[in-house]
Amino acid sequence: MIEFLIFRSFFLFIPAALLILLLLTLRCSNCGTAIYDHRIAPYVRGFDLEVLDKCPVCEERMLAHQQKTTDG
């Protein structure tokens, strides 16, 4: 039973580690500010990443491949 719990908890650790790695390497493509920087971190609440729409430092989109399409 102990082996089962250890094996199961190891596979639960992998997605959590990948998520933490992603969040630690996420940077604004315009100004290069990391998401854990003291100027951006207060705007991130849990997993709600609306801060990606507008960087609090440079006021632009944080990710370059995020493009808003306009029908017109």
PDB file of N, CA and C in Angstrom:
ATOM      1  N   MET A   1       0.817  -1.189   0.000  1.00  0.00           N
ATOM      2  CA  MET A   1       0.000   0.000   0.000  1.00  0.00           C
ATOM      3  C   MET A   1       0.865   1.260   0.000  1.00  0.00           C
ATOM      4  N   ILE A   2       1.960   1.227   0.720  1.00  0.00           N
ATOM      5  CA  ILE A   2       2.854   2.387   0.755  1.00  0.00           C
ATOM      6  C   ILE A   2       3.446   2.654  -0.619  1.00  0.00           C
ATOM      7  N   GLU A   3       3.773   1.572  -1.340  1.00  0.00           N
ATOM      8  CA  GLU A   3       4.322   1.732  -2.682  1.00  0.00           C
ATOM      9  C   GLU A   3       3.302   2.391  -3.603  1.00  0.00           C
ATOM     10  N   PHE A   4       2.029   2.019  -3.460  1.00  0.00           N
ATOM     11  CA  PHE A   4       0.973   2.607  -4.267  1.00  0.00           C
ATOM     12  C   PHE A   4       0.858   4.103  -4.006  1.00  0.00           C
ATOM     13  N   LEU A   5       0.894   4.505  -2.751  1.00  0.00           N
ATOM     14  CA  LEU A   5       0.782   5.925  -2.412  1.00  0.00           C
ATOM     15  C   LEU A   5       1.981   6.722  -2.925  1.00  0.00           C
ATOM     16  N   ILE A   6       3.165   6.170  -2.820  1.00  0.00           N
ATOM     17  CA  ILE A   6       4.361   6.857  -3.316  1.00  0.00           C
ATOM     18  C   ILE A   6       4.311   6.981  -4.831  1.00  0.00           C
ATOM     19  N   PHE A   7       3.950   5.907  -5.520  1.00  0.00           N
ATOM     20  CA  PHE A   7       3.871   5.910  -6.977  1.00  0.00           C
ATOM     21  C   PHE A   7       2.809   6.889  -7.454  1.00  0.00           C
ATOM     22  N   ARG A   8       1.653   6.906  -6.778  1.00  0.00           N
ATOM     23  CA  ARG A   8       0.567   7.800  -7.162  1.00  0.00           C
ATOM     24  C   ARG A   8       0.940   9.265  -6.906  1.00  0.00           C
ATOM     25  N   SER A   9       1.554   9.551  -5.786  1.00  0.00           N
ATOM     26  CA  SER A   9       1.910  10.935  -5.467  1.00  0.00           C
ATOM     27  C   SER A   9       3.008  11.448  -6.396  1.00  0.00           C
ATOM     28  N   PHE A  10       3.868  10.564  -6.900  1.00  0.00           N
ATOM     29  CA  PHE A  10       4.901  10.985  -7.846  1.00  0.00           C
ATOM     30  C   PHE A  10       4.267  11.503  -9.131  1.00  0.00           C
ATOM     31  N   PHE A  11       3.239  10.819  -9.624  1.00  0.00           N
ATOM     32  CA  PHE A  11       2.597  11.257 -10.857  1.00  0.00           C
ATOM     33  C   PHE A  11       1.713  12.479 -10.651  1.00  0.00           C
ATOM     34  N   LEU A  12       1.321  12.775  -9.442  1.00  0.00           N
ATOM     35  CA  LEU A  12       0.628  14.026  -9.160  1.00  0.00           C
ATOM     36  C   LEU A  12       1.613  15.186  -9.054  1.00  0.00           C
ATOM     37  N   PHE A  13       2.855  14.885  -8.735  1.00  0.00           N
ATOM     38  CA  PHE A  13       3.875  15.914  -8.607  1.00  0.00           C
ATOM     39  C   PHE A  13       4.304  16.443  -9.972  1.00  0.00           C
ATOM     40  N   ILE A  14       4.293  15.623 -11.004  1.00  0.00           N
ATOM     41  CA  ILE A  14       4.765  16.029 -12.328  1.00  0.00           C
ATOM     42  C   ILE A  14       3.964  17.201 -12.904  1.00  0.00           C
ATOM     43  N   PRO A  15       2.619  17.173 -12.954  1.00  0.00           N
ATOM     44  CA  PRO A  15       1.889  18.328 -13.486  1.00  0.00           C
ATOM     45  C   PRO A  15       2.083  19.597 -12.651  1.00  0.00           C
ATOM     46  N   ALA A  16       2.179  19.441 -11.343  1.00  0.00           N
ATOM     47  CA  ALA A  16       2.397  20.604 -10.484  1.00  0.00           C
ATOM     48  C   ALA A  16       3.761  21.226 -10.766  1.00  0.00           C
ATOM     49  N   ALA A  17       4.777  20.402 -10.951  1.00  0.00           N
ATOM     50  CA  ALA A  17       6.117  20.919 -11.251  1.00  0.00           C
ATOM     51  C   ALA A  17       6.141  21.594 -12.618  1.00  0.00           C
ATOM     52  N   LEU A  18       5.437  21.050 -13.595  1.00  0.00           N
ATOM     53  CA  LEU A  18       5.381  21.676 -14.921  1.00  0.00           C
ATOM     54  C   LEU A  18       4.669  23.023 -14.872  1.00  0.00           C
ATOM     55  N   LEU A  19       3.610  23.121 -14.085  1.00  0.00           N
ATOM     56  CA  LEU A  19       2.897  24.383 -13.949  1.00  0.00           C
ATOM     57  C   LEU A  19       3.766  25.439 -13.272  1.00  0.00           C
ATOM     58  N   ILE A  20       4.472  25.060 -12.242  1.00  0.00           N
ATOM     59  CA  ILE A  20       5.370  25.999 -11.557  1.00  0.00           C
ATOM     60  C   ILE A  20       6.490  26.438 -12.488  1.00  0.00           C
ATOM     61  N   LEU A  21       7.049  25.518 -13.253  1.00  0.00           N
ATOM     62  CA  LEU A  21       8.097  25.856 -14.214  1.00  0.00           C
ATOM     63  C   LEU A  21       7.581  26.818 -15.264  1.00  0.00           C
ATOM     64  N   LEU A  22       6.373  26.594 -15.754  1.00  0.00           N
ATOM     65  CA  LEU A  22       5.783  27.496 -16.741  1.00  0.00           C
ATOM     66  C   LEU A  22       5.598  28.896 -16.168  1.00  0.00           C
ATOM     67  N   LEU A  23       5.085  28.970 -14.944  1.00  0.00           N
ATOM     68  CA  LEU A  23       4.854  30.280 -14.344  1.00  0.00           C
ATOM     69  C   LEU A  23       6.154  31.014 -14.026  1.00  0.00           C
ATOM     70  N   LEU A  24       7.211  30.285 -13.703  1.00  0.00           N
ATOM     71  CA  LEU A  24       8.477  30.939 -13.398  1.00  0.00           C
ATOM     72  C   LEU A  24       9.205  31.425 -14.650  1.00  0.00           C
ATOM     73  N   THR A  25       8.898  30.856 -15.804  1.00  0.00           N
ATOM     74  CA  THR A  25       9.578  31.262 -17.028  1.00  0.00           C
ATOM     75  C   THR A  25       8.734  32.189 -17.892  1.00  0.00           C
ATOM     76  N   LEU A  26       7.528  32.520 -17.459  1.00  0.00           N
ATOM     77  CA  LEU A  26       6.652  33.393 -18.235  1.00  0.00           C
ATOM     78  C   LEU A  26       7.105  34.834 -18.094  1.00  0.00           C
ATOM     79  N   ARG A  27       7.389  35.460 -19.231  1.00  0.00           N
ATOM     80  CA  ARG A  27       7.835  36.862 -19.262  1.00  0.00           C
ATOM     81  C   ARG A  27       7.044  37.644 -20.293  1.00  0.00           C
ATOM     82  N   CYS A  28       6.959  38.946 -20.105  1.00  0.00           N
ATOM     83  CA  CYS A  28       6.320  39.825 -21.072  1.00  0.00           C
ATOM     84  C   CYS A  28       7.209  39.892 -22.313  1.00  0.00           C
ATOM     85  N   SER A  29       6.617  39.713 -23.477  1.00  0.00           N
ATOM     86  CA  SER A  29       7.417  39.736 -24.698  1.00  0.00           C
ATOM     87  C   SER A  29       7.821  41.156 -25.085  1.00  0.00           C
ATOM     88  N   ASN A  30       7.184  42.158 -24.531  1.00  0.00           N
ATOM     89  CA  ASN A  30       7.511  43.552 -24.868  1.00  0.00           C
ATOM     90  C   ASN A  30       8.596  44.132 -23.966  1.00  0.00           C
ATOM     91  N   CYS A  31       8.381  44.054 -22.659  1.00  0.00           N
ATOM     92  CA  CYS A  31       9.332  44.679 -21.739  1.00  0.00           C
ATOM     93  C   CYS A  31      10.237  43.666 -21.038  1.00  0.00           C
ATOM     94  N   GLY A  32       9.940  42.362 -21.142  1.00  0.00           N
ATOM     95  CA  GLY A  32      10.783  41.341 -20.550  1.00  0.00           C
ATOM     96  C   GLY A  32      10.601  41.144 -19.057  1.00  0.00           C
ATOM     97  N   THR A  33       9.575  41.733 -18.475  1.00  0.00           N
ATOM     98  CA  THR A  33       9.328  41.600 -17.047  1.00  0.00           C
ATOM     99  C   THR A  33       8.730  40.233 -16.755  1.00  0.00           C
ATOM    100  N   ALA A  34       9.270  39.542 -15.762  1.00  0.00           N
ATOM    101  CA  ALA A  34       8.767  38.218 -15.390  1.00  0.00           C
ATOM    102  C   ALA A  34       7.444  38.353 -14.659  1.00  0.00           C
ATOM    103  N   ILE A  35       6.623  37.302 -14.731  1.00  0.00           N
ATOM    104  CA  ILE A  35       5.310  37.359 -14.099  1.00  0.00           C
ATOM    105  C   ILE A  35       5.412  37.366 -12.574  1.00  0.00           C
ATOM    106  N   TYR A  36       6.517  36.908 -12.026  1.00  0.00           N
ATOM    107  CA  TYR A  36       6.693  36.928 -10.569  1.00  0.00           C
ATOM    108  C   TYR A  36       7.376  38.211 -10.084  1.00  0.00           C
ATOM    109  N   ASP A  37       7.611  39.163 -10.973  1.00  0.00           N
ATOM    110  CA  ASP A  37       8.199  40.451 -10.601  1.00  0.00           C
ATOM    111  C   ASP A  37       7.253  41.187  -9.645  1.00  0.00           C
ATOM    112  N   HIS A  38       7.802  41.999  -8.776  1.00  0.00           N
ATOM    113  CA  HIS A  38       6.994  42.684  -7.756  1.00  0.00           C
ATOM    114  C   HIS A  38       6.005  43.671  -8.354  1.00  0.00           C
ATOM    115  N   ARG A  39       6.201  44.076  -9.607  1.00  0.00           N
ATOM    116  CA  ARG A  39       5.258  45.001 -10.250  1.00  0.00           C
ATOM    117  C   ARG A  39       4.076  44.271 -10.869  1.00  0.00           C
ATOM    118  N   ILE A  40       4.217  42.989 -11.172  1.00  0.00           N
ATOM    119  CA  ILE A  40       3.148  42.228 -11.812  1.00  0.00           C
ATOM    120  C   ILE A  40       2.490  41.262 -10.841  1.00  0.00           C
ATOM    121  N   ALA A  41       3.237  40.675  -9.935  1.00  0.00           N
ATOM    122  CA  ALA A  41       2.737  39.633  -9.038  1.00  0.00           C
ATOM    123  C   ALA A  41       1.470  40.025  -8.269  1.00  0.00           C
ATOM    124  N   PRO A  42       1.304  41.249  -7.796  1.00  0.00           N
ATOM    125  CA  PRO A  42       0.061  41.566  -7.082  1.00  0.00           C
ATOM    126  C   PRO A  42      -1.192  41.470  -7.948  1.00  0.00           C
ATOM    127  N   TYR A  43      -1.051  41.537  -9.274  1.00  0.00           N
ATOM    128  CA  TYR A  43      -2.201  41.471 -10.159  1.00  0.00           C
ATOM    129  C   TYR A  43      -2.615  40.040 -10.478  1.00  0.00           C
ATOM    130  N   VAL A  44      -1.747  39.076 -10.215  1.00  0.00           N
ATOM    131  CA  VAL A  44      -2.051  37.671 -10.482  1.00  0.00           C
ATOM    132  C   VAL A  44      -2.712  37.088  -9.244  1.00  0.00           C
ATOM    133  N   ARG A  45      -3.936  36.619  -9.391  1.00  0.00           N
ATOM    134  CA  ARG A  45      -4.676  36.037  -8.271  1.00  0.00           C
ATOM    135  C   ARG A  45      -4.933  34.569  -8.587  1.00  0.00           C
ATOM    136  N   GLY A  46      -4.266  33.671  -7.909  1.00  0.00           N
ATOM    137  CA  GLY A  46      -4.471  32.246  -8.153  1.00  0.00           C
ATOM    138  C   GLY A  46      -4.077  31.862  -9.561  1.00  0.00           C
ATOM    139  N   PHE A  47      -4.982  31.255 -10.281  1.00  0.00           N
ATOM    140  CA  PHE A  47      -4.713  30.862 -11.657  1.00  0.00           C
ATOM    141  C   PHE A  47      -5.411  31.781 -12.644  1.00  0.00           C
ATOM    142  N   ASP A  48      -5.978  32.878 -12.194  1.00  0.00           N
ATOM    143  CA  ASP A  48      -6.636  33.836 -13.068  1.00  0.00           C
ATOM    144  C   ASP A  48      -5.566  34.706 -13.711  1.00  0.00           C
ATOM    145  N   LEU A  49      -5.257  34.449 -14.965  1.00  0.00           N
ATOM    146  CA  LEU A  49      -4.151  35.143 -15.622  1.00  0.00           C
ATOM    147  C   LEU A  49      -4.642  36.202 -16.608  1.00  0.00           C
ATOM    148  N   GLU A  50      -5.612  37.015 -16.171  1.00  0.00           N
ATOM    149  CA  GLU A  50      -6.074  38.109 -17.020  1.00  0.00           C
ATOM    150  C   GLU A  50      -5.000  39.173 -17.199  1.00  0.00           C
ATOM    151  N   VAL A  51      -3.973  39.106 -16.378  1.00  0.00           N
ATOM    152  CA  VAL A  51      -2.862  40.045 -16.493  1.00  0.00           C
ATOM    153  C   VAL A  51      -2.137  39.847 -17.829  1.00  0.00           C
ATOM    154  N   LEU A  52      -2.322  38.691 -18.478  1.00  0.00           N
ATOM    155  CA  LEU A  52      -1.686  38.445 -19.776  1.00  0.00           C
ATOM    156  C   LEU A  52      -2.277  39.323 -20.866  1.00  0.00           C
ATOM    157  N   ASP A  53      -3.501  39.814 -20.667  1.00  0.00           N
ATOM    158  CA  ASP A  53      -4.114  40.694 -21.656  1.00  0.00           C
ATOM    159  C   ASP A  53      -3.482  42.083 -21.659  1.00  0.00           C
ATOM    160  N   LYS A  54      -3.019  42.516 -20.490  1.00  0.00           N
ATOM    161  CA  LYS A  54      -2.443  43.858 -20.391  1.00  0.00           C
ATOM    162  C   LYS A  54      -1.367  43.846 -19.309  1.00  0.00           C
ATOM    163  N   CYS A  55      -0.122  44.017 -19.714  1.00  0.00           N
ATOM    164  CA  CYS A  55       0.994  44.033 -18.768  1.00  0.00           C
ATOM    165  C   CYS A  55       0.908  45.308 -17.920  1.00  0.00           C
ATOM    166  N   PRO A  56       0.962  45.212 -16.607  1.00  0.00           N
ATOM    167  CA  PRO A  56       0.906  46.404 -15.763  1.00  0.00           C
ATOM    168  C   PRO A  56       2.118  47.320 -15.923  1.00  0.00           C
ATOM    169  N   VAL A  57       3.212  46.836 -16.486  1.00  0.00           N
ATOM    170  CA  VAL A  57       4.416  47.641 -16.628  1.00  0.00           C
ATOM    171  C   VAL A  57       4.405  48.433 -17.936  1.00  0.00           C
ATOM    172  N   CYS A  58       4.167  47.739 -19.065  1.00  0.00           N
ATOM    173  CA  CYS A  58       4.262  48.416 -20.366  1.00  0.00           C
ATOM    174  C   CYS A  58       2.911  48.626 -21.030  1.00  0.00           C
ATOM    175  N   GLU A  59       1.825  48.151 -20.421  1.00  0.00           N
ATOM    176  CA  GLU A  59       0.458  48.317 -20.916  1.00  0.00           C
ATOM    177  C   GLU A  59       0.196  47.623 -22.260  1.00  0.00           C
ATOM    178  N   GLU A  60       1.027  46.664 -22.655  1.00  0.00           N
ATOM    179  CA  GLU A  60       0.834  45.908 -23.893  1.00  0.00           C
ATOM    180  C   GLU A  60       0.487  44.468 -23.542  1.00  0.00           C
ATOM    181  N   ARG A  61       0.144  43.665 -24.555  1.00  0.00           N
ATOM    182  CA  ARG A  61      -0.097  42.235 -24.336  1.00  0.00           C
ATOM    183  C   ARG A  61       1.199  41.564 -23.923  1.00  0.00           C
ATOM    184  N   MET A  62       1.107  40.653 -22.942  1.00  0.00           N
ATOM    185  CA  MET A  62       2.326  40.015 -22.446  1.00  0.00           C
ATOM    186  C   MET A  62       2.871  38.977 -23.408  1.00  0.00           C
ATOM    187  N   LEU A  63       2.009  38.245 -24.099  1.00  0.00           N
ATOM    188  CA  LEU A  63       2.468  37.210 -25.010  1.00  0.00           C
ATOM    189  C   LEU A  63       2.285  37.680 -26.445  1.00  0.00           C
ATOM    190  N   ALA A  64       3.318  37.559 -27.256  1.00  0.00           N
ATOM    191  CA  ALA A  64       3.291  38.069 -28.614  1.00  0.00           C
ATOM    192  C   ALA A  64       2.292  37.322 -29.483  1.00  0.00           C
ATOM    193  N   HIS A  65       2.088  36.034 -29.256  1.00  0.00           N
ATOM    194  CA  HIS A  65       1.190  35.272 -30.101  1.00  0.00           C
ATOM    195  C   HIS A  65      -0.270  35.462 -29.728  1.00  0.00           C
ATOM    196  N   GLN A  66      -0.563  36.265 -28.716  1.00  0.00           N
ATOM    197  CA  GLN A  66      -1.953  36.584 -28.368  1.00  0.00           C
ATOM    198  C   GLN A  66      -2.380  37.760 -29.227  1.00  0.00           C
ATOM    199  N   GLN A  67      -3.156  37.515 -30.222  1.00  0.00           N
ATOM    200  CA  GLN A  67      -3.640  38.572 -31.086  1.00  0.00           C
ATOM    201  C   GLN A  67      -5.164  38.606 -30.993  1.00  0.00           C
ATOM    202  N   LYS A  68      -5.703  39.783 -30.821  1.00  0.00           N
ATOM    203  CA  LYS A  68      -7.155  39.915 -30.834  1.00  0.00           C
ATOM    204  C   LYS A  68      -7.587  40.097 -32.285  1.00  0.00           C
ATOM    205  N   THR A  69      -8.536  39.308 -32.695  1.00  0.00           N
ATOM    206  CA  THR A  69      -9.044  39.451 -34.050  1.00  0.00           C
ATOM    207  C   THR A  69     -10.223  40.403 -34.039  1.00  0.00           C
ATOM    208  N   THR A  70     -10.255  41.280 -35.011  1.00  0.00           N
ATOM    209  CA  THR A  70     -11.345  42.227 -35.116  1.00  0.00           C
ATOM    210  C   THR A  70     -12.070  41.969 -36.424  1.00  0.00           C
ATOM    211  N   ASP A  71     -13.351  41.805 -36.317  1.00  0.00           N
ATOM    212  CA  ASP A  71     -14.169  41.621 -37.520  1.00  0.00           C
ATOM    213  C   ASP A  71     -14.615  42.987 -37.996  1.00  0.00           C
ATOM    214  N   GLY A  72     -14.335  43.267 -39.229  1.00  0.00           N
ATOM    215  CA  GLY A  72     -14.747  44.597 -39.640  1.00  0.00           C
ATOM    216  C   GLY A  72     -14.600  44.782 -41.039  1.00  0.00           C
TER     217      GLY A  72
END
